Amino acid sequence: MAIDTGWLGTQGVDAPKFVEACGSFVHHVHFKDVQAAGKHETCLLGEGVVDLPGVARALAKLGYQGWYAWEDEPEDRNPMLSAARNREFIEKLLVAL
């Protein structure tokens, strides 16, 4: 199973609880954040409604050792700056575990 946190946020799903429920079926994580439930408007990681720190903690509890990817659709900002910033966000998030 591949977890896409952006779509969980879009649908108003509690992402950490969903990850915990999926357990050992999780084989890939796709970090994305969205501005609000009900819409699929992306934003920089950590600036939206998705509990990404909670997702990271849930994955750590599961012993997840797989890949992490991220996505942003920066139509209003420089994608290279978004990429650097989102990478830093993920690295800090994972180191904090």
PDB file of N, CA and C in Angstrom:
ATOM      1  N   MET A   1       0.831  -1.159   0.000  1.00  0.00           N
ATOM      2  CA  MET A   1       0.000   0.000   0.000  1.00  0.00           C
ATOM      3  C   MET A   1       0.888   1.239   0.000  1.00  0.00           C
ATOM      4  N   ALA A   2       0.493   2.226  -0.766  1.00  0.00           N
ATOM      5  CA  ALA A   2       1.166   3.519  -0.793  1.00  0.00           C
ATOM      6  C   ALA A   2       0.250   4.540  -0.129  1.00  0.00           C
ATOM      7  N   ILE A   3       0.764   5.209   0.878  1.00  0.00           N
ATOM      8  CA  ILE A   3      -0.004   6.223   1.601  1.00  0.00           C
ATOM      9  C   ILE A   3       0.232   7.575   0.937  1.00  0.00           C
ATOM     10  N   ASP A   4      -0.831   8.262   0.557  1.00  0.00           N
ATOM     11  CA  ASP A   4      -0.749   9.621   0.014  1.00  0.00           C
ATOM     12  C   ASP A   4      -1.447  10.541   1.007  1.00  0.00           C
ATOM     13  N   THR A   5      -0.667  11.255   1.798  1.00  0.00           N
ATOM     14  CA  THR A   5      -1.242  12.066   2.867  1.00  0.00           C
ATOM     15  C   THR A   5      -2.091  13.220   2.347  1.00  0.00           C
ATOM     16  N   GLY A   6      -1.804  13.700   1.161  1.00  0.00           N
ATOM     17  CA  GLY A   6      -2.600  14.796   0.602  1.00  0.00           C
ATOM     18  C   GLY A   6      -4.038  14.392   0.356  1.00  0.00           C
ATOM     19  N   TRP A   7      -4.226  13.220  -0.203  1.00  0.00           N
ATOM     20  CA  TRP A   7      -5.593  12.772  -0.460  1.00  0.00           C
ATOM     21  C   TRP A   7      -6.309  12.420   0.832  1.00  0.00           C
ATOM     22  N   LEU A   8      -5.568  11.940   1.833  1.00  0.00           N
ATOM     23  CA  LEU A   8      -6.196  11.717   3.136  1.00  0.00           C
ATOM     24  C   LEU A   8      -6.700  13.052   3.693  1.00  0.00           C
ATOM     25  N   GLY A   9      -5.874  14.097   3.586  1.00  0.00           N
ATOM     26  CA  GLY A   9      -6.279  15.420   4.044  1.00  0.00           C
ATOM     27  C   GLY A   9      -7.456  15.969   3.271  1.00  0.00           C
ATOM     28  N   THR A  10      -7.450  15.778   1.969  1.00  0.00           N
ATOM     29  CA  THR A  10      -8.549  16.246   1.125  1.00  0.00           C
ATOM     30  C   THR A  10      -9.877  15.620   1.550  1.00  0.00           C
ATOM     31  N   GLN A  11      -9.821  14.353   1.941  1.00  0.00           N
ATOM     32  CA  GLN A  11     -11.034  13.637   2.335  1.00  0.00           C
ATOM     33  C   GLN A  11     -11.364  13.785   3.821  1.00  0.00           C
ATOM     34  N   GLY A  12     -10.532  14.534   4.559  1.00  0.00           N
ATOM     35  CA  GLY A  12     -10.800  14.747   5.975  1.00  0.00           C
ATOM     36  C   GLY A  12     -10.487  13.538   6.847  1.00  0.00           C
ATOM     37  N   VAL A  13      -9.619  12.671   6.372  1.00  0.00           N
ATOM     38  CA  VAL A  13      -9.256  11.460   7.104  1.00  0.00           C
ATOM     39  C   VAL A  13      -8.158  11.786   8.123  1.00  0.00           C
ATOM     40  N   ASP A  14      -8.228  11.186   9.294  1.00  0.00           N
ATOM     41  CA  ASP A  14      -7.179  11.314  10.300  1.00  0.00           C
ATOM     42  C   ASP A  14      -5.995  10.474   9.815  1.00  0.00           C
ATOM     43  N   ALA A  15      -5.007  11.118   9.229  1.00  0.00           N
ATOM     44  CA  ALA A  15      -3.901  10.410   8.573  1.00  0.00           C
ATOM     45  C   ALA A  15      -3.109   9.516   9.519  1.00  0.00           C
ATOM     46  N   PRO A  16      -2.721   9.961  10.725  1.00  0.00           N
ATOM     47  CA  PRO A  16      -1.988   9.052  11.608  1.00  0.00           C
ATOM     48  C   PRO A  16      -2.780   7.784  11.963  1.00  0.00           C
ATOM     49  N   LYS A  17      -4.066   7.932  12.241  1.00  0.00           N
ATOM     50  CA  LYS A  17      -4.896   6.760  12.553  1.00  0.00           C
ATOM     51  C   LYS A  17      -4.997   5.823  11.352  1.00  0.00           C
ATOM     52  N   PHE A  18      -5.113   6.396  10.166  1.00  0.00           N
ATOM     53  CA  PHE A  18      -5.190   5.588   8.956  1.00  0.00           C
ATOM     54  C   PHE A  18      -3.909   4.783   8.773  1.00  0.00           C
ATOM     55  N   VAL A  19      -2.759   5.434   8.966  1.00  0.00           N
ATOM     56  CA  VAL A  19      -1.469   4.748   8.834  1.00  0.00           C
ATOM     57  C   VAL A  19      -1.382   3.608   9.836  1.00  0.00           C
ATOM     58  N   GLU A  20      -1.759   3.877  11.087  1.00  0.00           N
ATOM     59  CA  GLU A  20      -1.726   2.827  12.110  1.00  0.00           C
ATOM     60  C   GLU A  20      -2.617   1.654  11.722  1.00  0.00           C
ATOM     61  N   ALA A  21      -3.789   1.944  11.175  1.00  0.00           N
ATOM     62  CA  ALA A  21      -4.715   0.879  10.777  1.00  0.00           C
ATOM     63  C   ALA A  21      -4.164   0.045   9.627  1.00  0.00           C
ATOM     64  N   CYS A  22      -3.383   0.664   8.764  1.00  0.00           N
ATOM     65  CA  CYS A  22      -2.819  -0.057   7.615  1.00  0.00           C
ATOM     66  C   CYS A  22      -1.657  -0.955   8.020  1.00  0.00           C
ATOM     67  N   GLY A  23      -0.972  -0.599   9.091  1.00  0.00           N
ATOM     68  CA  GLY A  23       0.085  -1.430   9.647  1.00  0.00           C
ATOM     69  C   GLY A  23       1.145  -1.862   8.647  1.00  0.00           C
ATOM     70  N   SER A  24       1.416  -3.137   8.632  1.00  0.00           N
ATOM     71  CA  SER A  24       2.508  -3.682   7.810  1.00  0.00           C
ATOM     72  C   SER A  24       2.225  -3.636   6.312  1.00  0.00           C
ATOM     73  N   PHE A  25       1.026  -3.240   5.932  1.00  0.00           N
ATOM     74  CA  PHE A  25       0.712  -3.117   4.508  1.00  0.00           C
ATOM     75  C   PHE A  25       1.343  -1.875   3.878  1.00  0.00           C
ATOM     76  N   VAL A  26       1.825  -0.927   4.697  1.00  0.00           N
ATOM     77  CA  VAL A  26       2.414   0.310   4.186  1.00  0.00           C
ATOM     78  C   VAL A  26       3.805   0.005   3.621  1.00  0.00           C
ATOM     79  N   HIS A  27       3.986   0.296   2.333  1.00  0.00           N
ATOM     80  CA  HIS A  27       5.270   0.058   1.669  1.00  0.00           C
ATOM     81  C   HIS A  27       5.836   1.304   1.000  1.00  0.00           C
ATOM     82  N   HIS A  28       5.081   2.384   1.002  1.00  0.00           N
ATOM     83  CA  HIS A  28       5.568   3.641   0.424  1.00  0.00           C
ATOM     84  C   HIS A  28       4.758   4.779   1.030  1.00  0.00           C
ATOM     85  N   VAL A  29       5.417   5.915   1.260  1.00  0.00           N
ATOM     86  CA  VAL A  29       4.739   7.074   1.819  1.00  0.00           C
ATOM     87  C   VAL A  29       4.972   8.271   0.915  1.00  0.00           C
ATOM     88  N   HIS A  30       3.883   8.916   0.582  1.00  0.00           N
ATOM     89  CA  HIS A  30       3.882  10.072  -0.307  1.00  0.00           C
ATOM     90  C   HIS A  30       3.384  11.253   0.519  1.00  0.00           C
ATOM     91  N   PHE A  31       4.325  12.057   1.027  1.00  0.00           N
ATOM     92  CA  PHE A  31       3.946  13.228   1.818  1.00  0.00           C
ATOM     93  C   PHE A  31       3.420  14.335   0.910  1.00  0.00           C
ATOM     94  N   LYS A  32       2.260  14.823   1.259  1.00  0.00           N
ATOM     95  CA  LYS A  32       1.671  15.987   0.597  1.00  0.00           C
ATOM     96  C   LYS A  32       0.797  16.658   1.644  1.00  0.00           C
ATOM     97  N   ASP A  33       0.670  17.952   1.562  1.00  0.00           N
ATOM     98  CA  ASP A  33      -0.198  18.686   2.473  1.00  0.00           C
ATOM     99  C   ASP A  33      -1.188  19.486   1.633  1.00  0.00           C
ATOM    100  N   VAL A  34      -2.376  19.684   2.181  1.00  0.00           N
ATOM    101  CA  VAL A  34      -3.415  20.452   1.490  1.00  0.00           C
ATOM    102  C   VAL A  34      -3.950  21.533   2.419  1.00  0.00           C
ATOM    103  N   GLN A  35      -4.468  22.580   1.809  1.00  0.00           N
ATOM    104  CA  GLN A  35      -4.923  23.740   2.578  1.00  0.00           C
ATOM    105  C   GLN A  35      -6.154  23.463   3.435  1.00  0.00           C
ATOM    106  N   ALA A  36      -7.053  22.618   2.941  1.00  0.00           N
ATOM    107  CA  ALA A  36      -8.294  22.364   3.678  1.00  0.00           C
ATOM    108  C   ALA A  36      -8.925  21.064   3.211  1.00  0.00           C
ATOM    109  N   ALA A  37      -9.650  20.426   4.116  1.00  0.00           N
ATOM    110  CA  ALA A  37     -10.428  19.252   3.730  1.00  0.00           C
ATOM    111  C   ALA A  37     -11.507  19.685   2.744  1.00  0.00           C
ATOM    112  N   GLY A  38     -11.806  18.809   1.812  1.00  0.00           N
ATOM    113  CA  GLY A  38     -12.828  19.111   0.820  1.00  0.00           C
ATOM    114  C   GLY A  38     -12.286  19.708  -0.459  1.00  0.00           C
ATOM    115  N   LYS A  39     -11.023  20.135  -0.433  1.00  0.00           N
ATOM    116  CA  LYS A  39     -10.374  20.686  -1.623  1.00  0.00           C
ATOM    117  C   LYS A  39      -9.017  20.025  -1.774  1.00  0.00           C
ATOM    118  N   HIS A  40      -8.529  19.957  -2.982  1.00  0.00           N
ATOM    119  CA  HIS A  40      -7.201  19.385  -3.192  1.00  0.00           C
ATOM    120  C   HIS A  40      -6.255  20.487  -3.668  1.00  0.00           C
ATOM    121  N   GLU A  41      -6.072  21.476  -2.795  1.00  0.00           N
ATOM    122  CA  GLU A  41      -5.164  22.585  -3.078  1.00  0.00           C
ATOM    123  C   GLU A  41      -3.929  22.385  -2.212  1.00  0.00           C
ATOM    124  N   THR A  42      -2.804  22.046  -2.856  1.00  0.00           N
ATOM    125  CA  THR A  42      -1.603  21.747  -2.090  1.00  0.00           C
ATOM    126  C   THR A  42      -0.976  23.000  -1.509  1.00  0.00           C
ATOM    127  N   CYS A  43      -0.134  22.771  -0.508  1.00  0.00           N
ATOM    128  CA  CYS A  43       0.629  23.839   0.120  1.00  0.00           C
ATOM    129  C   CYS A  43       1.954  23.237   0.587  1.00  0.00           C
ATOM    130  N   LEU A  44       2.821  24.068   1.076  1.00  0.00           N
ATOM    131  CA  LEU A  44       4.082  23.565   1.590  1.00  0.00           C
ATOM    132  C   LEU A  44       3.817  22.604   2.742  1.00  0.00           C
ATOM    133  N   LEU A  45       4.657  21.592   2.864  1.00  0.00           N
ATOM    134  CA  LEU A  45       4.493  20.614   3.927  1.00  0.00           C
ATOM    135  C   LEU A  45       4.499  21.303   5.285  1.00  0.00           C
ATOM    136  N   GLY A  46       3.523  20.923   6.114  1.00  0.00           N
ATOM    137  CA  GLY A  46       3.423  21.495   7.446  1.00  0.00           C
ATOM    138  C   GLY A  46       2.590  22.751   7.534  1.00  0.00           C
ATOM    139  N   GLU A  47       2.136  23.271   6.405  1.00  0.00           N
ATOM    140  CA  GLU A  47       1.337  24.494   6.406  1.00  0.00           C
ATOM    141  C   GLU A  47      -0.145  24.241   6.149  1.00  0.00           C
ATOM    142  N   GLY A  48      -0.514  22.987   6.056  1.00  0.00           N
ATOM    143  CA  GLY A  48      -1.908  22.651   5.770  1.00  0.00           C
ATOM    144  C   GLY A  48      -2.565  21.889   6.901  1.00  0.00           C
ATOM    145  N   VAL A  49      -3.542  21.074   6.553  1.00  0.00           N
ATOM    146  CA  VAL A  49      -4.364  20.374   7.537  1.00  0.00           C
ATOM    147  C   VAL A  49      -3.885  18.966   7.868  1.00  0.00           C
ATOM    148  N   VAL A  50      -2.916  18.446   7.144  1.00  0.00           N
ATOM    149  CA  VAL A  50      -2.457  17.077   7.372  1.00  0.00           C
ATOM    150  C   VAL A  50      -1.483  17.050   8.553  1.00  0.00           C
ATOM    151  N   ASP A  51      -1.707  16.130   9.481  1.00  0.00           N
ATOM    152  CA  ASP A  51      -0.841  15.967  10.643  1.00  0.00           C
ATOM    153  C   ASP A  51       0.379  15.132  10.243  1.00  0.00           C
ATOM    154  N   LEU A  52       1.320  15.775   9.552  1.00  0.00           N
ATOM    155  CA  LEU A  52       2.509  15.056   9.080  1.00  0.00           C
ATOM    156  C   LEU A  52       3.404  14.574  10.219  1.00  0.00           C
ATOM    157  N   PRO A  53       3.606  15.352  11.290  1.00  0.00           N
ATOM    158  CA  PRO A  53       4.364  14.791  12.420  1.00  0.00           C
ATOM    159  C   PRO A  53       3.694  13.544  13.006  1.00  0.00           C
ATOM    160  N   GLY A  54       2.364  13.561  13.083  1.00  0.00           N
ATOM    161  CA  GLY A  54       1.630  12.384  13.562  1.00  0.00           C
ATOM    162  C   GLY A  54       1.801  11.192  12.647  1.00  0.00           C
ATOM    163  N   VAL A  55       1.809  11.435  11.343  1.00  0.00           N
ATOM    164  CA  VAL A  55       2.041  10.359  10.371  1.00  0.00           C
ATOM    165  C   VAL A  55       3.437   9.771  10.577  1.00  0.00           C
ATOM    166  N   ALA A  56       4.429  10.647  10.737  1.00  0.00           N
ATOM    167  CA  ALA A  56       5.809  10.173  10.937  1.00  0.00           C
ATOM    168  C   ALA A  56       5.920   9.346  12.218  1.00  0.00           C
ATOM    169  N   ARG A  57       5.263   9.777  13.286  1.00  0.00           N
ATOM    170  CA  ARG A  57       5.289   9.008  14.537  1.00  0.00           C
ATOM    171  C   ARG A  57       4.606   7.656  14.362  1.00  0.00           C
ATOM    172  N   ALA A  58       3.476   7.639  13.657  1.00  0.00           N
ATOM    173  CA  ALA A  58       2.769   6.377  13.413  1.00  0.00           C
ATOM    174  C   ALA A  58       3.639   5.418  12.609  1.00  0.00           C
ATOM    175  N   LEU A  59       4.326   5.944  11.601  1.00  0.00           N
ATOM    176  CA  LEU A  59       5.212   5.102  10.798  1.00  0.00           C
ATOM    177  C   LEU A  59       6.373   4.567  11.628  1.00  0.00           C
ATOM    178  N   ALA A  60       6.908   5.403  12.509  1.00  0.00           N
ATOM    179  CA  ALA A  60       8.001   4.963  13.371  1.00  0.00           C
ATOM    180  C   ALA A  60       7.540   3.831  14.290  1.00  0.00           C
ATOM    181  N   LYS A  61       6.327   3.936  14.825  1.00  0.00           N
ATOM    182  CA  LYS A  61       5.776   2.872  15.680  1.00  0.00           C
ATOM    183  C   LYS A  61       5.658   1.560  14.913  1.00  0.00           C
ATOM    184  N   LEU A  62       5.350   1.669  13.626  1.00  0.00           N
ATOM    185  CA  LEU A  62       5.219   0.478  12.788  1.00  0.00           C
ATOM    186  C   LEU A  62       6.573  -0.098  12.378  1.00  0.00           C
ATOM    187  N   GLY A  63       7.640   0.663  12.602  1.00  0.00           N
ATOM    188  CA  GLY A  63       8.969   0.229  12.163  1.00  0.00           C
ATOM    189  C   GLY A  63       9.167   0.407  10.664  1.00  0.00           C
ATOM    190  N   TYR A  64       8.443   1.348  10.081  1.00  0.00           N
ATOM    191  CA  TYR A  64       8.531   1.588   8.633  1.00  0.00           C
ATOM    192  C   TYR A  64       9.960   1.926   8.224  1.00  0.00           C
ATOM    193  N   GLN A  65      10.464   1.234   7.224  1.00  0.00           N
ATOM    194  CA  GLN A  65      11.822   1.452   6.718  1.00  0.00           C
ATOM    195  C   GLN A  65      11.840   1.762   5.225  1.00  0.00           C
ATOM    196  N   GLY A  66      10.674   2.032   4.653  1.00  0.00           N
ATOM    197  CA  GLY A  66      10.568   2.227   3.212  1.00  0.00           C
ATOM    198  C   GLY A  66      10.879   3.649   2.771  1.00  0.00           C
ATOM    199  N   TRP A  67      10.518   3.899   1.536  1.00  0.00           N
ATOM    200  CA  TRP A  67      10.779   5.178   0.894  1.00  0.00           C
ATOM    201  C   TRP A  67       9.767   6.229   1.309  1.00  0.00           C
ATOM    202  N   TYR A  68      10.243   7.474   1.258  1.00  0.00           N
ATOM    203  CA  TYR A  68       9.384   8.641   1.417  1.00  0.00           C
ATOM    204  C   TYR A  68       9.502   9.468   0.140  1.00  0.00           C
ATOM    205  N   ALA A  69       8.387   9.914  -0.363  1.00  0.00           N
ATOM    206  CA  ALA A  69       8.362  10.837  -1.497  1.00  0.00           C
ATOM    207  C   ALA A  69       7.526  12.036  -1.048  1.00  0.00           C
ATOM    208  N   TRP A  70       7.572  13.108  -1.794  1.00  0.00           N
ATOM    209  CA  TRP A  70       6.727  14.260  -1.498  1.00  0.00           C
ATOM    210  C   TRP A  70       6.254  14.866  -2.809  1.00  0.00           C
ATOM    211  N   GLU A  71       5.177  15.613  -2.682  1.00  0.00           N
ATOM    212  CA  GLU A  71       4.633  16.279  -3.869  1.00  0.00           C
ATOM    213  C   GLU A  71       4.106  17.642  -3.461  1.00  0.00           C
ATOM    214  N   ASP A  72       4.280  18.573  -4.345  1.00  0.00           N
ATOM    215  CA  ASP A  72       3.722  19.909  -4.189  1.00  0.00           C
ATOM    216  C   ASP A  72       3.385  20.384  -5.596  1.00  0.00           C
ATOM    217  N   GLU A  73       2.363  21.161  -5.715  1.00  0.00           N
ATOM    218  CA  GLU A  73       1.967  21.702  -7.008  1.00  0.00           C
ATOM    219  C   GLU A  73       2.027  23.221  -6.912  1.00  0.00           C
ATOM    220  N   PRO A  74       3.226  23.771  -6.918  1.00  0.00           N
ATOM    221  CA  PRO A  74       3.412  25.200  -6.636  1.00  0.00           C
ATOM    222  C   PRO A  74       3.128  26.108  -7.821  1.00  0.00           C
ATOM    223  N   GLU A  75       1.867  26.321  -8.083  1.00  0.00           N
ATOM    224  CA  GLU A  75       1.505  27.185  -9.203  1.00  0.00           C
ATOM    225  C   GLU A  75       1.733  28.662  -8.882  1.00  0.00           C
ATOM    226  N   ASP A  76       1.901  28.968  -7.595  1.00  0.00           N
ATOM    227  CA  ASP A  76       2.056  30.364  -7.190  1.00  0.00           C
ATOM    228  C   ASP A  76       3.431  30.653  -6.578  1.00  0.00           C
ATOM    229  N   ARG A  77       4.369  29.692  -6.694  1.00  0.00           N
ATOM    230  CA  ARG A  77       5.689  29.875  -6.100  1.00  0.00           C
ATOM    231  C   ARG A  77       6.733  29.093  -6.887  1.00  0.00           C
ATOM    232  N   ASN A  78       7.973  29.411  -6.654  1.00  0.00           N
ATOM    233  CA  ASN A  78       9.091  28.787  -7.348  1.00  0.00           C
ATOM    234  C   ASN A  78       9.213  27.314  -6.924  1.00  0.00           C
ATOM    235  N   PRO A  79       9.081  26.363  -7.857  1.00  0.00           N
ATOM    236  CA  PRO A  79       9.133  24.947  -7.481  1.00  0.00           C
ATOM    237  C   PRO A  79      10.488  24.513  -6.919  1.00  0.00           C
ATOM    238  N   MET A  80      11.566  25.149  -7.338  1.00  0.00           N
ATOM    239  CA  MET A  80      12.883  24.783  -6.813  1.00  0.00           C
ATOM    240  C   MET A  80      13.002  25.176  -5.338  1.00  0.00           C
ATOM    241  N   LEU A  81      12.464  26.336  -4.981  1.00  0.00           N
ATOM    242  CA  LEU A  81      12.476  26.754  -3.581  1.00  0.00           C
ATOM    243  C   LEU A  81      11.564  25.861  -2.744  1.00  0.00           C
ATOM    244  N   SER A  82      10.417  25.491  -3.310  1.00  0.00           N
ATOM    245  CA  SER A  82       9.508  24.578  -2.609  1.00  0.00           C
ATOM    246  C   SER A  82      10.174  23.223  -2.385  1.00  0.00           C
ATOM    247  N   ALA A  83      10.884  22.737  -3.382  1.00  0.00           N
ATOM    248  CA  ALA A  83      11.552  21.434  -3.268  1.00  0.00           C
ATOM    249  C   ALA A  83      12.582  21.456  -2.147  1.00  0.00           C
ATOM    250  N   ALA A  84      13.407  22.481  -2.105  1.00  0.00           N
ATOM    251  CA  ALA A  84      14.439  22.577  -1.071  1.00  0.00           C
ATOM    252  C   ALA A  84      13.795  22.687   0.307  1.00  0.00           C
ATOM    253  N   ARG A  85      12.773  23.481   0.430  1.00  0.00           N
ATOM    254  CA  ARG A  85      12.109  23.682   1.710  1.00  0.00           C
ATOM    255  C   ARG A  85      11.415  22.404   2.172  1.00  0.00           C
ATOM    256  N   ASN A  86      10.721  21.700   1.265  1.00  0.00           N
ATOM    257  CA  ASN A  86      10.015  20.476   1.642  1.00  0.00           C
ATOM    258  C   ASN A  86      10.991  19.361   2.010  1.00  0.00           C
ATOM    259  N   ARG A  87      12.103  19.284   1.326  1.00  0.00           N
ATOM    260  CA  ARG A  87      13.116  18.282   1.684  1.00  0.00           C
ATOM    261  C   ARG A  87      13.619  18.541   3.106  1.00  0.00           C
ATOM    262  N   GLU A  88      13.897  19.789   3.411  1.00  0.00           N
ATOM    263  CA  GLU A  88      14.365  20.150   4.749  1.00  0.00           C
ATOM    264  C   GLU A  88      13.306  19.803   5.802  1.00  0.00           C
ATOM    265  N   PHE A  89      12.042  20.064   5.496  1.00  0.00           N
ATOM    266  CA  PHE A  89      10.953  19.747   6.413  1.00  0.00           C
ATOM    267  C   PHE A  89      10.939  18.255   6.725  1.00  0.00           C
ATOM    268  N   ILE A  90      11.020  17.415   5.692  1.00  0.00           N
ATOM    269  CA  ILE A  90      10.981  15.966   5.887  1.00  0.00           C
ATOM    270  C   ILE A  90      12.193  15.487   6.667  1.00  0.00           C
ATOM    271  N   GLU A  91      13.363  15.984   6.332  1.00  0.00           N
ATOM    272  CA  GLU A  91      14.572  15.573   7.039  1.00  0.00           C
ATOM    273  C   GLU A  91      14.482  15.909   8.527  1.00  0.00           C
ATOM    274  N   LYS A  92      14.027  17.107   8.861  1.00  0.00           N
ATOM    275  CA  LYS A  92      13.872  17.497  10.265  1.00  0.00           C
ATOM    276  C   LYS A  92      12.822  16.628  10.965  1.00  0.00           C
ATOM    277  N   LEU A  93      11.750  16.340  10.257  1.00  0.00           N
ATOM    278  CA  LEU A  93      10.682  15.529  10.800  1.00  0.00           C
ATOM    279  C   LEU A  93      11.189  14.131  11.164  1.00  0.00           C
ATOM    280  N   LEU A  94      11.955  13.540  10.269  1.00  0.00           N
ATOM    281  CA  LEU A  94      12.427  12.178  10.494  1.00  0.00           C
ATOM    282  C   LEU A  94      13.536  12.113  11.529  1.00  0.00           C
ATOM    283  N   VAL A  95      14.397  13.119  11.570  1.00  0.00           N
ATOM    284  CA  VAL A  95      15.476  13.157  12.564  1.00  0.00           C
ATOM    285  C   VAL A  95      14.897  13.306  13.973  1.00  0.00           C
ATOM    286  N   ALA A  96      13.781  14.029  14.090  1.00  0.00           N
ATOM    287  CA  ALA A  96      13.166  14.274  15.395  1.00  0.00           C
ATOM    288  C   ALA A  96      12.567  13.021  16.018  1.00  0.00           C
ATOM    289  N   LEU A  97      12.423  11.974  15.240  1.00  0.00           N
ATOM    290  CA  LEU A  97      11.819  10.737  15.779  1.00  0.00           C
ATOM    291  C   LEU A  97      12.789  10.059  16.652  1.00  0.00           C
TER     292      LEU A  97
END
